[in-house]
Amino acid sequence: MKKAFWISKLTLIFLFPVVLISLYTGTANAWEPTKPIEFIIPAGAGGGADVMARFIAPIISKYKLAPKPVIVINKSGGAGAEGFMYVKGNAKDPHVMIITLDNLFTTPLATGVPFNWRDMTPVARLALDYFNLWVNAETPYKTAKEYLDDVKKTPGKFLMGGTGSAQEDQIITVMLEQAFGVKFSYVPFKGGGEVAVQLVGKHVNSTVNNPAEAVSQWRAGRLKPLATIDTERINLPLWKDIPTMKESSGVDMSYLMLRGIFAAPGITKEQQEFYVNMLKKVTETPEWQKYISDNGLKSAYLTGPDYVKWLEEKERITKDLMAKGNLLKKK
């Protein structure tokens, strides 16, 4: 028995260091950034994507979720094509990531730019963004029906301001035209922040801005939302009293926009996993939960094969909507 005991002890003595070495090696092999991370925004300043990216970067720093700083860069040219092509052109560089909205799909479909979302590495869907139908607070309209009834009386007279051409805002404008038999004159601007300012200044009659893009003007009493363009109300304290489009007009409509993250093409699995884990931790912070609530976003974290499957379906739906609105690039 005594001999067996000493054999057991020796076995443990030799095995224990092996376990320690194995754990240490695993940690050493985990990839981390070795230089600052470029965080690209394929949209203008003040829009929903810009607001979100500039919110995320300090959270990463505050909670030390990356060993290097995150540098936020706007590349909005060509309806976001500048940003997408930049990321595509930095293949295998794990220090480049991009926040995306639906121009991920609309820009190549509308312009023919040689880019597709498959040219980048999917990381995570952080949230889905709502759209509201906004008017200037000084107008007499109390419901979407009242406003759209006036639009119908004078086709083309009412100006709908939106971000870019053949992007989400114009797609929703087309949806409104087809659903209500109205006709707007669509006026494109560079970003959602500018769109809200134009409505405050009464240079356009309405917009379909995301909640975050017009919340400050709403709180200041300069703009008012007539309806949320979804089948359900925004179930958050600040936004829950805004009626759905069906409640406000009698017609059911829905459009939700991607707020997702991609990395450069050709990065390794370990590099992709670093960003997946980093962003997951961002969405678990109390600051993120407050941001979602304040800005009227739908929490919808998704990654891996489920994210890819969702992207494929979203691309199909977007192409169909653009075809109906005659917004596809002519061949």
C-alpha atoms as a PDB file:
ATOM      1  CA  MET A   1       0.000   0.000   0.000  1.00  0.00           C
ATOM      2  CA  LYS A   2       2.823   2.347   0.889  1.00  0.00           C
ATOM      3  CA  LYS A   3       4.524   1.749  -2.477  1.00  0.00           C
ATOM      4  CA  ALA A   4       1.311   2.473  -4.324  1.00  0.00           C
ATOM      5  CA  PHE A   5       0.969   5.717  -2.392  1.00  0.00           C
ATOM      6  CA  TRP A   6       4.349   6.988  -3.520  1.00  0.00           C
ATOM      7  CA  ILE A   7       3.642   6.063  -7.121  1.00  0.00           C
ATOM      8  CA  SER A   8       0.429   8.087  -6.903  1.00  0.00           C
ATOM      9  CA  LYS A   9       2.280  11.072  -5.461  1.00  0.00           C
ATOM     10  CA  LEU A  10       4.923  10.961  -8.151  1.00  0.00           C
ATOM     11  CA  THR A  11       2.242  10.730 -10.803  1.00  0.00           C
ATOM     12  CA  LEU A  12       0.578  13.859  -9.430  1.00  0.00           C
ATOM     13  CA  ILE A  13       3.893  15.704  -9.198  1.00  0.00           C
ATOM     14  CA  PHE A  14       4.606  15.080 -12.867  1.00  0.00           C
ATOM     15  CA  LEU A  15       1.040  15.656 -14.078  1.00  0.00           C
ATOM     16  CA  PHE A  16       0.389  18.914 -12.233  1.00  0.00           C
ATOM     17  CA  PRO A  17       3.050  20.971 -14.076  1.00  0.00           C
ATOM     18  CA  VAL A  18       1.692  19.607 -17.373  1.00  0.00           C
ATOM     19  CA  VAL A  19      -1.727  21.037 -16.530  1.00  0.00           C
ATOM     20  CA  LEU A  20      -0.190  24.402 -15.692  1.00  0.00           C
ATOM     21  CA  ILE A  21       1.784  24.455 -18.929  1.00  0.00           C
ATOM     22  CA  SER A  22      -1.363  23.606 -20.927  1.00  0.00           C
ATOM     23  CA  LEU A  23      -3.342  26.442 -19.348  1.00  0.00           C
ATOM     24  CA  TYR A  24      -0.539  28.929 -19.882  1.00  0.00           C
ATOM     25  CA  THR A  25      -0.111  27.954 -23.527  1.00  0.00           C
ATOM     26  CA  GLY A  26      -3.817  28.421 -24.169  1.00  0.00           C
ATOM     27  CA  THR A  27      -3.702  31.936 -22.772  1.00  0.00           C
ATOM     28  CA  ALA A  28      -0.563  32.783 -24.702  1.00  0.00           C
ATOM     29  CA  ASN A  29      -2.160  31.719 -27.983  1.00  0.00           C
ATOM     30  CA  ALA A  30      -5.237  33.965 -27.575  1.00  0.00           C
ATOM     31  CA  TRP A  31      -5.017  36.790 -30.104  1.00  0.00           C
ATOM     32  CA  GLU A  32      -5.193  40.435 -29.063  1.00  0.00           C
ATOM     33  CA  PRO A  33      -4.716  43.658 -31.059  1.00  0.00           C
ATOM     34  CA  THR A  34      -1.144  44.920 -31.208  1.00  0.00           C
ATOM     35  CA  LYS A  35      -1.949  48.386 -32.563  1.00  0.00           C
ATOM     36  CA  PRO A  36      -4.917  50.814 -32.455  1.00  0.00           C
ATOM     37  CA  ILE A  37      -8.185  49.483 -33.877  1.00  0.00           C
ATOM     38  CA  GLU A  38      -9.759  51.488 -36.700  1.00  0.00           C
ATOM     39  CA  PHE A  39     -13.530  51.640 -36.240  1.00  0.00           C
ATOM     40  CA  ILE A  40     -15.014  52.698 -39.586  1.00  0.00           C
ATOM     41  CA  ILE A  41     -18.408  54.403 -39.923  1.00  0.00           C
ATOM     42  CA  PRO A  42     -19.797  54.192 -43.494  1.00  0.00           C
ATOM     43  CA  ALA A  43     -22.100  57.163 -42.826  1.00  0.00           C
ATOM     44  CA  GLY A  44     -21.993  60.839 -41.932  1.00  0.00           C
ATOM     45  CA  ALA A  45     -21.672  62.562 -38.576  1.00  0.00           C
ATOM     46  CA  GLY A  46     -24.721  62.679 -36.324  1.00  0.00           C
ATOM     47  CA  GLY A  47     -26.491  59.659 -37.798  1.00  0.00           C
ATOM     48  CA  GLY A  48     -27.454  56.533 -35.888  1.00  0.00           C
ATOM     49  CA  ALA A  49     -24.331  54.581 -36.890  1.00  0.00           C
ATOM     50  CA  ASP A  50     -22.081  57.505 -35.970  1.00  0.00           C
ATOM     51  CA  VAL A  51     -23.778  57.957 -32.592  1.00  0.00           C
ATOM     52  CA  MET A  52     -23.501  54.249 -31.780  1.00  0.00           C
ATOM     53  CA  ALA A  53     -19.856  53.865 -32.808  1.00  0.00           C
ATOM     54  CA  ARG A  54     -18.828  56.911 -30.793  1.00  0.00           C
ATOM     55  CA  PHE A  55     -20.688  55.472 -27.819  1.00  0.00           C
ATOM     56  CA  ILE A  56     -19.098  52.011 -28.101  1.00  0.00           C
ATOM     57  CA  ALA A  57     -15.475  53.182 -28.373  1.00  0.00           C
ATOM     58  CA  PRO A  58     -15.298  54.767 -24.878  1.00  0.00           C
ATOM     59  CA  ILE A  59     -17.067  51.726 -23.362  1.00  0.00           C
ATOM     60  CA  ILE A  60     -14.307  49.478 -24.741  1.00  0.00           C
ATOM     61  CA  SER A  61     -11.732  51.802 -23.181  1.00  0.00           C
ATOM     62  CA  LYS A  62     -13.532  52.176 -19.833  1.00  0.00           C
ATOM     63  CA  TYR A  63     -13.849  48.437 -19.253  1.00  0.00           C
ATOM     64  CA  LYS A  64     -10.428  47.633 -20.771  1.00  0.00           C
ATOM     65  CA  LEU A  65     -11.975  45.268 -23.318  1.00  0.00           C
ATOM     66  CA  ALA A  66      -9.092  45.791 -25.750  1.00  0.00           C
ATOM     67  CA  PRO A  67      -5.389  46.376 -25.058  1.00  0.00           C
ATOM     68  CA  LYS A  68      -5.202  49.134 -27.678  1.00  0.00           C
ATOM     69  CA  PRO A  69      -7.367  52.236 -28.274  1.00  0.00           C
ATOM     70  CA  VAL A  70     -10.288  52.313 -30.721  1.00  0.00           C
ATOM     71  CA  ILE A  71     -10.127  55.129 -33.265  1.00  0.00           C
ATOM     72  CA  VAL A  72     -13.459  56.104 -34.829  1.00  0.00           C
ATOM     73  CA  ILE A  73     -13.289  57.222 -38.469  1.00  0.00           C
ATOM     74  CA  ASN A  74     -16.121  58.401 -40.755  1.00  0.00           C
ATOM     75  CA  LYS A  75     -15.887  57.237 -44.381  1.00  0.00           C
ATOM     76  CA  SER A  76     -19.296  58.139 -45.788  1.00  0.00           C
ATOM     77  CA  GLY A  77     -18.496  58.799 -49.446  1.00  0.00           C
ATOM     78  CA  GLY A  78     -20.623  57.067 -52.067  1.00  0.00           C
ATOM     79  CA  ALA A  79     -23.440  56.242 -49.634  1.00  0.00           C
ATOM     80  CA  GLY A  80     -20.973  54.336 -47.470  1.00  0.00           C
ATOM     81  CA  ALA A  81     -19.115  52.660 -50.345  1.00  0.00           C
ATOM     82  CA  GLU A  82     -15.933  54.443 -49.274  1.00  0.00           C
ATOM     83  CA  GLY A  83     -16.037  52.731 -45.897  1.00  0.00           C
ATOM     84  CA  PHE A  84     -16.950  49.296 -47.219  1.00  0.00           C
ATOM     85  CA  MET A  85     -14.272  49.346 -49.916  1.00  0.00           C
ATOM     86  CA  TYR A  86     -11.704  50.490 -47.350  1.00  0.00           C
ATOM     87  CA  VAL A  87     -12.412  47.478 -45.140  1.00  0.00           C
ATOM     88  CA  LYS A  88     -12.482  45.139 -48.134  1.00  0.00           C
ATOM     89  CA  GLY A  89      -9.123  46.535 -49.235  1.00  0.00           C
ATOM     90  CA  ASN A  90      -7.537  45.831 -45.853  1.00  0.00           C
ATOM     91  CA  ALA A  91      -7.826  42.054 -46.162  1.00  0.00           C
ATOM     92  CA  LYS A  92      -6.277  40.045 -43.311  1.00  0.00           C
ATOM     93  CA  ASP A  93      -5.791  43.178 -41.186  1.00  0.00           C
ATOM     94  CA  PRO A  94      -7.366  42.345 -37.807  1.00  0.00           C
ATOM     95  CA  HIS A  95      -7.131  45.952 -36.649  1.00  0.00           C
ATOM     96  CA  VAL A  96     -10.012  47.195 -38.829  1.00  0.00           C
ATOM     97  CA  MET A  97     -13.695  46.832 -38.015  1.00  0.00           C
ATOM     98  CA  ILE A  98     -16.805  48.586 -39.305  1.00  0.00           C
ATOM     99  CA  ILE A  99     -20.267  49.359 -37.983  1.00  0.00           C
ATOM    100  CA  THR A 100     -22.970  48.677 -40.546  1.00  0.00           C
ATOM    101  CA  LEU A 101     -26.501  49.728 -41.280  1.00  0.00           C
ATOM    102  CA  ASP A 102     -28.693  48.669 -44.176  1.00  0.00           C
ATOM    103  CA  ASN A 103     -26.485  50.507 -46.670  1.00  0.00           C
ATOM    104  CA  LEU A 104     -24.464  47.302 -46.340  1.00  0.00           C
ATOM    105  CA  PHE A 105     -27.070  45.953 -48.793  1.00  0.00           C
ATOM    106  CA  THR A 106     -28.531  49.042 -50.441  1.00  0.00           C
ATOM    107  CA  THR A 107     -25.305  50.715 -51.597  1.00  0.00           C
ATOM    108  CA  PRO A 108     -24.011  47.882 -53.835  1.00  0.00           C
ATOM    109  CA  LEU A 109     -27.535  47.171 -55.123  1.00  0.00           C
ATOM    110  CA  ALA A 110     -28.139  50.822 -56.022  1.00  0.00           C
ATOM    111  CA  THR A 111     -24.698  51.814 -57.306  1.00  0.00           C
ATOM    112  CA  GLY A 112     -23.101  48.644 -58.649  1.00  0.00           C
ATOM    113  CA  VAL A 113     -19.985  49.235 -56.535  1.00  0.00           C
ATOM    114  CA  PRO A 114     -17.992  45.966 -56.458  1.00  0.00           C
ATOM    115  CA  PHE A 115     -18.808  45.062 -52.885  1.00  0.00           C
ATOM    116  CA  ASN A 116     -20.981  42.588 -51.011  1.00  0.00           C
ATOM    117  CA  TRP A 117     -21.300  41.956 -47.284  1.00  0.00           C
ATOM    118  CA  ARG A 118     -19.661  38.570 -47.882  1.00  0.00           C
ATOM    119  CA  ASP A 119     -16.465  40.501 -48.714  1.00  0.00           C
ATOM    120  CA  MET A 120     -16.039  41.151 -44.969  1.00  0.00           C
ATOM    121  CA  THR A 121     -15.981  38.965 -41.851  1.00  0.00           C
ATOM    122  CA  PRO A 122     -19.284  38.960 -39.920  1.00  0.00           C
ATOM    123  CA  VAL A 123     -18.769  39.620 -36.208  1.00  0.00           C
ATOM    124  CA  ALA A 124     -22.069  40.388 -34.495  1.00  0.00           C
ATOM    125  CA  ARG A 125     -25.493  41.989 -34.799  1.00  0.00           C
ATOM    126  CA  LEU A 126     -25.684  44.370 -31.854  1.00  0.00           C
ATOM    127  CA  ALA A 127     -29.205  45.710 -32.236  1.00  0.00           C
ATOM    128  CA  LEU A 128     -32.031  46.534 -34.603  1.00  0.00           C
ATOM    129  CA  ASP A 129     -33.042  50.138 -35.145  1.00  0.00           C
ATOM    130  CA  TYR A 130     -36.559  51.461 -35.492  1.00  0.00           C
ATOM    131  CA  PHE A 131     -37.794  54.258 -37.745  1.00  0.00           C
ATOM    132  CA  ASN A 132     -40.316  56.929 -36.840  1.00  0.00           C
ATOM    133  CA  LEU A 133     -42.333  59.230 -39.059  1.00  0.00           C
ATOM    134  CA  TRP A 134     -41.361  62.721 -37.835  1.00  0.00           C
ATOM    135  CA  VAL A 135     -42.778  66.172 -38.532  1.00  0.00           C
ATOM    136  CA  ASN A 136     -41.948  69.612 -37.188  1.00  0.00           C
ATOM    137  CA  ALA A 137     -43.513  70.160 -33.757  1.00  0.00           C
ATOM    138  CA  GLU A 138     -45.225  73.344 -34.966  1.00  0.00           C
ATOM    139  CA  THR A 139     -47.346  71.496 -37.523  1.00  0.00           C
ATOM    140  CA  PRO A 140     -50.965  70.695 -36.568  1.00  0.00           C
ATOM    141  CA  TYR A 141     -50.754  66.955 -37.324  1.00  0.00           C
ATOM    142  CA  LYS A 142     -51.544  64.557 -34.490  1.00  0.00           C
ATOM    143  CA  THR A 143     -51.599  61.291 -36.436  1.00  0.00           C
ATOM    144  CA  ALA A 144     -49.853  59.803 -39.442  1.00  0.00           C
ATOM    145  CA  LYS A 145     -53.224  59.581 -41.203  1.00  0.00           C
ATOM    146  CA  GLU A 146     -53.812  63.339 -40.899  1.00  0.00           C
ATOM    147  CA  TYR A 147     -50.394  64.058 -42.370  1.00  0.00           C
ATOM    148  CA  LEU A 148     -50.587  61.514 -45.181  1.00  0.00           C
ATOM    149  CA  ASP A 149     -54.084  62.684 -46.123  1.00  0.00           C
ATOM    150  CA  ASP A 150     -52.603  66.141 -46.745  1.00  0.00           C
ATOM    151  CA  VAL A 151     -49.698  64.673 -48.723  1.00  0.00           C
ATOM    152  CA  LYS A 152     -52.168  62.821 -50.929  1.00  0.00           C
ATOM    153  CA  LYS A 153     -53.973  66.044 -51.890  1.00  0.00           C
ATOM    154  CA  THR A 154     -50.894  67.569 -53.542  1.00  0.00           C
ATOM    155  CA  PRO A 155     -48.639  64.869 -55.090  1.00  0.00           C
ATOM    156  CA  GLY A 156     -44.958  65.817 -55.074  1.00  0.00           C
ATOM    157  CA  LYS A 157     -45.385  68.993 -53.033  1.00  0.00           C
ATOM    158  CA  PHE A 158     -44.383  67.546 -49.658  1.00  0.00           C
ATOM    159  CA  LEU A 159     -40.662  67.018 -49.130  1.00  0.00           C
ATOM    160  CA  MET A 160     -39.404  63.894 -47.378  1.00  0.00           C
ATOM    161  CA  GLY A 161     -35.874  64.324 -46.074  1.00  0.00           C
ATOM    162  CA  GLY A 162     -33.665  61.265 -45.698  1.00  0.00           C
ATOM    163  CA  THR A 163     -30.130  59.942 -45.485  1.00  0.00           C
ATOM    164  CA  GLY A 164     -28.687  59.311 -48.936  1.00  0.00           C
ATOM    165  CA  SER A 165     -30.338  58.056 -52.093  1.00  0.00           C
ATOM    166  CA  ALA A 166     -31.638  54.503 -52.562  1.00  0.00           C
ATOM    167  CA  GLN A 167     -30.953  53.772 -48.906  1.00  0.00           C
ATOM    168  CA  GLU A 168     -33.224  52.858 -45.984  1.00  0.00           C
ATOM    169  CA  ASP A 169     -34.965  56.239 -45.730  1.00  0.00           C
ATOM    170  CA  GLN A 170     -35.873  56.284 -49.409  1.00  0.00           C
ATOM    171  CA  ILE A 171     -36.981  52.631 -49.292  1.00  0.00           C
ATOM    172  CA  ILE A 172     -39.364  53.495 -46.439  1.00  0.00           C
ATOM    173  CA  THR A 173     -40.559  56.562 -48.355  1.00  0.00           C
ATOM    174  CA  VAL A 174     -41.408  54.298 -51.300  1.00  0.00           C
ATOM    175  CA  MET A 175     -43.193  51.923 -48.917  1.00  0.00           C
ATOM    176  CA  LEU A 176     -45.297  54.830 -47.625  1.00  0.00           C
ATOM    177  CA  GLU A 177     -46.100  55.966 -51.174  1.00  0.00           C
ATOM    178  CA  GLN A 178     -47.245  52.509 -52.215  1.00  0.00           C
ATOM    179  CA  ALA A 179     -49.208  51.822 -49.028  1.00  0.00           C
ATOM    180  CA  PHE A 180     -51.064  55.155 -48.933  1.00  0.00           C
ATOM    181  CA  GLY A 181     -51.229  56.190 -52.589  1.00  0.00           C
ATOM    182  CA  VAL A 182     -49.189  59.352 -51.957  1.00  0.00           C
ATOM    183  CA  LYS A 183     -46.217  60.929 -53.713  1.00  0.00           C
ATOM    184  CA  PHE A 184     -43.321  62.678 -51.947  1.00  0.00           C
ATOM    185  CA  SER A 185     -40.394  64.585 -53.354  1.00  0.00           C
ATOM    186  CA  TYR A 186     -37.468  62.837 -51.691  1.00  0.00           C
ATOM    187  CA  VAL A 187     -34.536  65.047 -50.622  1.00  0.00           C
ATOM    188  CA  PRO A 188     -31.293  63.230 -49.713  1.00  0.00           C
ATOM    189  CA  PHE A 189     -28.818  64.486 -47.116  1.00  0.00           C
ATOM    190  CA  LYS A 190     -25.457  63.155 -45.988  1.00  0.00           C
ATOM    191  CA  GLY A 191     -26.426  61.893 -42.520  1.00  0.00           C
ATOM    192  CA  GLY A 192     -29.305  61.457 -40.101  1.00  0.00           C
ATOM    193  CA  GLY A 193     -28.149  64.339 -37.923  1.00  0.00           C
ATOM    194  CA  GLU A 194     -28.385  66.737 -40.855  1.00  0.00           C
ATOM    195  CA  VAL A 195     -31.794  65.307 -41.776  1.00  0.00           C
ATOM    196  CA  ALA A 196     -33.165  66.167 -38.327  1.00  0.00           C
ATOM    197  CA  VAL A 197     -31.730  69.695 -38.515  1.00  0.00           C
ATOM    198  CA  GLN A 198     -33.403  70.239 -41.899  1.00  0.00           C
ATOM    199  CA  LEU A 199     -36.779  69.258 -40.415  1.00  0.00           C
ATOM    200  CA  VAL A 200     -36.282  71.590 -37.450  1.00  0.00           C
ATOM    201  CA  GLY A 201     -35.586  74.375 -39.938  1.00  0.00           C
ATOM    202  CA  LYS A 202     -38.702  73.449 -41.961  1.00  0.00           C
ATOM    203  CA  HIS A 203     -36.651  72.854 -45.099  1.00  0.00           C
ATOM    204  CA  VAL A 204     -38.449  69.509 -45.456  1.00  0.00           C
ATOM    205  CA  ASN A 205     -41.939  68.487 -44.342  1.00  0.00           C
ATOM    206  CA  SER A 206     -41.159  65.120 -42.777  1.00  0.00           C
ATOM    207  CA  THR A 207     -38.478  62.505 -42.184  1.00  0.00           C
ATOM    208  CA  VAL A 208     -38.292  58.835 -41.221  1.00  0.00           C
ATOM    209  CA  ASN A 209     -35.280  59.211 -38.948  1.00  0.00           C
ATOM    210  CA  ASN A 210     -34.186  56.594 -36.438  1.00  0.00           C
ATOM    211  CA  PRO A 211     -35.121  57.496 -32.849  1.00  0.00           C
ATOM    212  CA  ALA A 212     -31.506  58.306 -31.905  1.00  0.00           C
ATOM    213  CA  GLU A 213     -31.173  60.740 -34.808  1.00  0.00           C
ATOM    214  CA  ALA A 214     -34.010  62.989 -33.651  1.00  0.00           C
ATOM    215  CA  VAL A 215     -34.293  62.355 -29.920  1.00  0.00           C
ATOM    216  CA  SER A 216     -32.547  65.568 -28.851  1.00  0.00           C
ATOM    217  CA  GLN A 217     -34.783  67.711 -31.074  1.00  0.00           C
ATOM    218  CA  TRP A 218     -37.833  65.842 -29.794  1.00  0.00           C
ATOM    219  CA  ARG A 219     -36.851  66.442 -26.188  1.00  0.00           C
ATOM    220  CA  ALA A 220     -36.299  70.102 -27.033  1.00  0.00           C
ATOM    221  CA  GLY A 221     -39.867  70.331 -28.383  1.00  0.00           C
ATOM    222  CA  ARG A 222     -38.846  71.003 -31.986  1.00  0.00           C
ATOM    223  CA  LEU A 223     -39.906  67.712 -33.595  1.00  0.00           C
ATOM    224  CA  LYS A 224     -42.670  65.213 -32.945  1.00  0.00           C
ATOM    225  CA  PRO A 225     -43.073  61.551 -33.933  1.00  0.00           C
ATOM    226  CA  LEU A 226     -46.396  60.609 -35.505  1.00  0.00           C
ATOM    227  CA  ALA A 227     -45.772  56.869 -35.615  1.00  0.00           C
ATOM    228  CA  THR A 228     -43.244  54.070 -35.192  1.00  0.00           C
ATOM    229  CA  ILE A 229     -42.841  52.180 -38.440  1.00  0.00           C
ATOM    230  CA  ASP A 230     -43.241  48.715 -36.952  1.00  0.00           C
ATOM    231  CA  THR A 231     -45.974  46.275 -35.999  1.00  0.00           C
ATOM    232  CA  GLU A 232     -45.264  46.849 -32.303  1.00  0.00           C
ATOM    233  CA  ARG A 233     -44.548  49.930 -30.224  1.00  0.00           C
ATOM    234  CA  ILE A 234     -41.023  50.550 -28.980  1.00  0.00           C
ATOM    235  CA  ASN A 235     -41.231  48.871 -25.590  1.00  0.00           C
ATOM    236  CA  LEU A 236     -38.973  51.326 -23.765  1.00  0.00           C
ATOM    237  CA  PRO A 237     -39.928  54.026 -21.235  1.00  0.00           C
ATOM    238  CA  LEU A 238     -39.183  57.072 -23.360  1.00  0.00           C
ATOM    239  CA  TRP A 239     -40.759  55.680 -26.531  1.00  0.00           C
ATOM    240  CA  LYS A 240     -43.663  53.444 -25.491  1.00  0.00           C
ATOM    241  CA  ASP A 241     -46.364  56.100 -26.004  1.00  0.00           C
ATOM    242  CA  ILE A 242     -45.601  56.548 -29.712  1.00  0.00           C
ATOM    243  CA  PRO A 243     -48.276  54.635 -31.678  1.00  0.00           C
ATOM    244  CA  THR A 244     -47.465  52.102 -34.369  1.00  0.00           C
ATOM    245  CA  MET A 245     -48.145  53.010 -37.980  1.00  0.00           C
ATOM    246  CA  LYS A 246     -51.299  50.893 -37.892  1.00  0.00           C
ATOM    247  CA  GLU A 247     -52.530  52.660 -34.756  1.00  0.00           C
ATOM    248  CA  SER A 248     -51.773  56.078 -36.233  1.00  0.00           C
ATOM    249  CA  SER A 249     -52.887  55.503 -39.834  1.00  0.00           C
ATOM    250  CA  GLY A 250     -54.808  52.241 -40.084  1.00  0.00           C
ATOM    251  CA  VAL A 251     -52.136  50.610 -42.258  1.00  0.00           C
ATOM    252  CA  ASP A 252     -49.665  48.051 -40.899  1.00  0.00           C
ATOM    253  CA  MET A 253     -46.001  48.676 -41.830  1.00  0.00           C
ATOM    254  CA  SER A 254     -42.659  47.523 -40.498  1.00  0.00           C
ATOM    255  CA  TYR A 255     -38.998  48.177 -41.258  1.00  0.00           C
ATOM    256  CA  LEU A 256     -36.126  47.448 -38.855  1.00  0.00           C
ATOM    257  CA  MET A 257     -32.506  48.295 -39.636  1.00  0.00           C
ATOM    258  CA  LEU A 258     -29.296  46.457 -38.872  1.00  0.00           C
ATOM    259  CA  ARG A 259     -26.770  47.782 -36.389  1.00  0.00           C
ATOM    260  CA  GLY A 260     -24.024  45.237 -36.903  1.00  0.00           C
ATOM    261  CA  ILE A 261     -20.266  44.835 -36.832  1.00  0.00           C
ATOM    262  CA  PHE A 262     -17.954  43.323 -39.435  1.00  0.00           C
ATOM    263  CA  ALA A 263     -14.175  42.936 -39.598  1.00  0.00           C
ATOM    264  CA  ALA A 264     -11.792  42.839 -42.530  1.00  0.00           C
ATOM    265  CA  PRO A 265     -11.891  39.786 -44.823  1.00  0.00           C
ATOM    266  CA  GLY A 266      -9.470  36.924 -44.313  1.00  0.00           C
ATOM    267  CA  ILE A 267      -8.809  37.351 -40.589  1.00  0.00           C
ATOM    268  CA  THR A 268      -8.268  34.244 -38.482  1.00  0.00           C
ATOM    269  CA  LYS A 269     -10.897  32.528 -36.353  1.00  0.00           C
ATOM    270  CA  GLU A 270      -9.079  33.649 -33.193  1.00  0.00           C
ATOM    271  CA  GLN A 271      -9.089  37.261 -34.363  1.00  0.00           C
ATOM    272  CA  GLN A 272     -12.797  37.083 -35.185  1.00  0.00           C
ATOM    273  CA  GLU A 273     -13.511  35.562 -31.764  1.00  0.00           C
ATOM    274  CA  PHE A 274     -11.696  38.418 -30.038  1.00  0.00           C
ATOM    275  CA  TYR A 275     -14.163  40.910 -31.516  1.00  0.00           C
ATOM    276  CA  VAL A 276     -17.166  38.662 -30.884  1.00  0.00           C
ATOM    277  CA  ASN A 277     -16.239  38.420 -27.196  1.00  0.00           C
ATOM    278  CA  MET A 278     -15.343  42.101 -26.892  1.00  0.00           C
ATOM    279  CA  LEU A 279     -18.661  43.267 -28.307  1.00  0.00           C
ATOM    280  CA  LYS A 280     -20.641  40.760 -26.264  1.00  0.00           C
ATOM    281  CA  LYS A 281     -19.105  42.313 -23.152  1.00  0.00           C
ATOM    282  CA  VAL A 282     -20.058  45.787 -24.429  1.00  0.00           C
ATOM    283  CA  THR A 283     -23.725  44.732 -24.655  1.00  0.00           C
ATOM    284  CA  GLU A 284     -23.617  43.451 -21.064  1.00  0.00           C
ATOM    285  CA  THR A 285     -22.630  46.804 -19.541  1.00  0.00           C
ATOM    286  CA  PRO A 286     -25.186  49.013 -17.757  1.00  0.00           C
ATOM    287  CA  GLU A 287     -24.199  51.855 -20.075  1.00  0.00           C
ATOM    288  CA  TRP A 288     -25.280  49.821 -23.097  1.00  0.00           C
ATOM    289  CA  GLN A 289     -28.631  48.982 -21.527  1.00  0.00           C
ATOM    290  CA  LYS A 290     -29.267  52.678 -20.867  1.00  0.00           C
ATOM    291  CA  TYR A 291     -28.140  53.571 -24.389  1.00  0.00           C
ATOM    292  CA  ILE A 292     -30.592  51.074 -25.884  1.00  0.00           C
ATOM    293  CA  SER A 293     -33.420  52.530 -23.800  1.00  0.00           C
ATOM    294  CA  ASP A 294     -32.604  56.195 -24.385  1.00  0.00           C
ATOM    295  CA  ASN A 295     -32.168  55.799 -28.126  1.00  0.00           C
ATOM    296  CA  GLY A 296     -35.110  53.535 -28.858  1.00  0.00           C
ATOM    297  CA  LEU A 297     -33.188  50.492 -30.090  1.00  0.00           C
ATOM    298  CA  LYS A 298     -34.227  46.864 -30.076  1.00  0.00           C
ATOM    299  CA  SER A 299     -31.692  44.689 -28.256  1.00  0.00           C
ATOM    300  CA  ALA A 300     -30.912  41.822 -30.655  1.00  0.00           C
ATOM    301  CA  TYR A 301     -27.384  40.457 -30.196  1.00  0.00           C
ATOM    302  CA  LEU A 302     -26.608  37.711 -32.696  1.00  0.00           C
ATOM    303  CA  THR A 303     -23.414  36.066 -33.943  1.00  0.00           C
ATOM    304  CA  GLY A 304     -22.084  32.990 -35.722  1.00  0.00           C
ATOM    305  CA  PRO A 305     -24.125  31.020 -38.309  1.00  0.00           C
ATOM    306  CA  ASP A 306     -27.400  32.553 -37.071  1.00  0.00           C
ATOM    307  CA  TYR A 307     -26.067  36.030 -37.884  1.00  0.00           C
ATOM    308  CA  VAL A 308     -25.029  34.915 -41.375  1.00  0.00           C
ATOM    309  CA  LYS A 309     -28.455  33.352 -41.981  1.00  0.00           C
ATOM    310  CA  TRP A 310     -30.150  36.582 -40.870  1.00  0.00           C
ATOM    311  CA  LEU A 311     -27.932  38.619 -43.216  1.00  0.00           C
ATOM    312  CA  GLU A 312     -28.854  36.412 -46.158  1.00  0.00           C
ATOM    313  CA  GLU A 313     -32.565  36.888 -45.512  1.00  0.00           C
ATOM    314  CA  LYS A 314     -32.198  40.637 -44.928  1.00  0.00           C
ATOM    315  CA  GLU A 315     -30.342  40.974 -48.234  1.00  0.00           C
ATOM    316  CA  ARG A 316     -33.156  39.147 -50.059  1.00  0.00           C
ATOM    317  CA  ILE A 317     -35.867  41.345 -48.500  1.00  0.00           C
ATOM    318  CA  THR A 318     -33.927  44.545 -49.225  1.00  0.00           C
ATOM    319  CA  LYS A 319     -33.401  43.624 -52.875  1.00  0.00           C
ATOM    320  CA  ASP A 320     -37.122  42.888 -53.244  1.00  0.00           C
ATOM    321  CA  LEU A 321     -38.136  46.229 -51.698  1.00  0.00           C
ATOM    322  CA  MET A 322     -35.670  48.146 -53.867  1.00  0.00           C
ATOM    323  CA  ALA A 323     -36.932  46.409 -56.998  1.00  0.00           C
ATOM    324  CA  LYS A 324     -40.501  47.459 -56.140  1.00  0.00           C
ATOM    325  CA  GLY A 325     -39.322  51.043 -55.703  1.00  0.00           C
ATOM    326  CA  ASN A 326     -37.274  51.012 -58.909  1.00  0.00           C
ATOM    327  CA  LEU A 327     -34.137  51.752 -56.889  1.00  0.00           C
ATOM    328  CA  LEU A 328     -31.862  49.013 -58.229  1.00  0.00           C
ATOM    329  CA  LYS A 329     -28.869  49.866 -60.395  1.00  0.00           C
ATOM    330  CA  LYS A 330     -29.841  49.684 -64.064  1.00  0.00           C
ATOM    331  CA  LYS A 331     -27.818  47.106 -65.951  1.00  0.00           C
END
